[in-house]
N, C-alpha and C. Protein backbone atom coordinates (compact mmCIF):
# COMPACT_ATOMS: atom_id res chain seq x y z
N GLU A 1 -66.80 58.89 111.98
CA GLU A 1 -66.27 57.66 112.21
C GLU A 1 -67.18 56.70 113.01
N GLU A 2 -67.86 57.24 114.08
CA GLU A 2 -68.65 56.46 114.75
C GLU A 2 -69.89 56.04 114.03
N HIS A 3 -70.49 56.99 113.29
CA HIS A 3 -71.63 56.63 112.41
C HIS A 3 -71.21 55.56 111.39
N ASP A 4 -70.07 55.68 110.75
CA ASP A 4 -69.69 54.77 109.81
C ASP A 4 -69.48 53.35 110.43
N ALA A 5 -68.98 53.28 111.61
CA ALA A 5 -68.74 52.07 112.37
C ALA A 5 -70.15 51.39 112.54
N ILE A 6 -71.12 52.13 112.92
CA ILE A 6 -72.49 51.47 113.12
C ILE A 6 -73.01 51.08 111.79
N TYR A 7 -72.96 51.90 110.75
CA TYR A 7 -73.35 51.56 109.41
C TYR A 7 -72.68 50.25 108.90
N GLN A 8 -71.40 50.13 108.99
CA GLN A 8 -70.52 49.01 108.52
C GLN A 8 -70.99 47.72 109.25
N ALA A 9 -71.26 47.81 110.56
CA ALA A 9 -71.67 46.65 111.31
C ALA A 9 -73.01 46.22 110.92
N ILE A 10 -73.97 47.15 110.75
CA ILE A 10 -75.26 46.70 110.20
C ILE A 10 -75.23 46.19 108.85
N ARG A 11 -74.39 46.78 107.94
CA ARG A 11 -74.27 46.28 106.59
C ARG A 11 -73.68 44.83 106.66
N ALA A 12 -72.74 44.65 107.47
CA ALA A 12 -72.20 43.36 107.62
C ALA A 12 -73.07 42.24 108.37
N GLY A 13 -74.22 42.70 108.82
CA GLY A 13 -75.12 41.82 109.49
C GLY A 13 -74.62 41.42 110.81
N ASP A 14 -73.90 42.19 111.46
CA ASP A 14 -73.31 41.81 112.81
C ASP A 14 -74.01 42.67 113.86
N PRO A 15 -75.09 42.14 114.44
CA PRO A 15 -75.78 43.01 115.41
C PRO A 15 -75.06 43.35 116.68
N GLU A 16 -74.15 42.36 117.09
CA GLU A 16 -73.31 42.65 118.33
C GLU A 16 -72.41 43.90 117.96
N ALA A 17 -71.73 43.83 116.95
CA ALA A 17 -70.82 44.97 116.64
C ALA A 17 -71.54 46.25 116.49
N ALA A 18 -72.80 46.15 115.90
CA ALA A 18 -73.60 47.36 115.66
C ALA A 18 -74.04 47.92 117.11
N ALA A 19 -74.35 47.06 117.97
CA ALA A 19 -74.84 47.46 119.28
C ALA A 19 -73.64 48.12 119.99
N HIS A 20 -72.44 47.52 119.94
CA HIS A 20 -71.34 48.03 120.45
C HIS A 20 -71.00 49.36 120.00
N ALA A 21 -70.93 49.51 118.67
CA ALA A 21 -70.59 50.71 118.11
C ALA A 21 -71.67 51.75 118.38
N ALA A 22 -72.92 51.55 118.49
CA ALA A 22 -74.00 52.43 118.87
C ALA A 22 -73.79 52.89 120.33
N ALA A 23 -73.49 51.97 121.24
CA ALA A 23 -73.28 52.31 122.60
C ALA A 23 -72.07 53.19 122.81
N THR A 24 -71.06 52.88 122.07
CA THR A 24 -69.81 53.77 122.09
C THR A 24 -70.10 55.15 121.63
N HIS A 25 -70.91 55.27 120.56
CA HIS A 25 -71.32 56.55 120.05
C HIS A 25 -72.16 57.39 121.12
N ILE A 26 -73.14 56.67 121.71
CA ILE A 26 -73.94 57.30 122.62
C ILE A 26 -73.17 57.80 123.92
N ASP A 27 -72.30 56.95 124.33
CA ASP A 27 -71.41 57.36 125.48
C ASP A 27 -70.51 58.56 125.21
N ASN A 28 -69.89 58.50 123.94
CA ASN A 28 -69.08 59.69 123.61
C ASN A 28 -69.94 60.98 123.31
N THR A 29 -71.11 60.78 122.80
CA THR A 29 -71.97 62.01 122.63
C THR A 29 -72.41 62.57 124.05
N LEU A 30 -72.63 61.65 124.91
CA LEU A 30 -73.00 62.11 126.32
C LEU A 30 -71.92 62.81 126.92
N ASP A 31 -70.68 62.24 126.82
CA ASP A 31 -69.53 62.89 127.35
C ASP A 31 -69.31 64.36 126.84
N ASP A 32 -69.45 64.36 125.42
CA ASP A 32 -69.24 65.64 124.79
C ASP A 32 -70.37 66.67 125.35
N TYR A 33 -71.54 66.20 125.43
CA TYR A 33 -72.64 67.08 125.94
C TYR A 33 -72.33 67.57 127.26
N ARG A 34 -71.98 66.66 128.19
CA ARG A 34 -71.63 67.12 129.55
C ARG A 34 -70.45 67.99 129.62
N ARG A 35 -69.49 67.82 128.84
CA ARG A 35 -68.34 68.77 128.78
C ARG A 35 -68.73 70.15 128.30
N GLU A 36 -69.62 70.13 127.34
CA GLU A 36 -70.05 71.53 126.78
C GLU A 36 -70.86 72.17 127.80
N ILE A 37 -71.76 71.50 128.54
CA ILE A 37 -72.67 72.12 129.56
C ILE A 37 -71.67 72.70 130.66
N GLN A 38 -70.63 71.95 131.08
CA GLN A 38 -69.81 72.37 132.13
C GLN A 38 -68.95 73.65 131.73
N GLN A 39 -68.61 73.64 130.53
CA GLN A 39 -67.90 74.75 129.90
C GLN A 39 -68.69 76.04 129.92
N ARG A 40 -69.95 75.90 129.58
CA ARG A 40 -70.89 77.01 129.49
C ARG A 40 -71.22 77.38 130.96
N LEU A 41 -71.37 76.49 131.89
CA LEU A 41 -71.68 77.00 133.23
C LEU A 41 -70.53 77.79 133.95
N PHE A 42 -69.30 77.25 133.62
CA PHE A 42 -68.11 77.99 134.19
C PHE A 42 -67.86 79.15 133.52
N ARG A 43 -68.21 79.35 132.19
CA ARG A 43 -67.93 80.60 131.40
C ARG A 43 -68.87 81.61 131.89
N SER A 44 -70.17 81.25 132.19
CA SER A 44 -71.24 82.21 132.58
C SER A 44 -70.97 82.60 134.15
N ALA A 45 -70.24 81.78 134.83
CA ALA A 45 -70.04 82.09 136.19
C ALA A 45 -68.87 83.03 136.39
N GLY A 46 -67.97 83.15 135.50
CA GLY A 46 -66.66 83.89 135.66
C GLY A 46 -67.02 85.30 135.15
């Protein structure tokens, strides 16, 4: 979904929407990464 939003914004020639969609994707990816690291740390500590 996020990649498609970026693609559609680029295709529509809307750089602001593309930048927003890309930033949202990066933020969500970072959140997912942090969550995964936290789970792995707590799993190995237990």
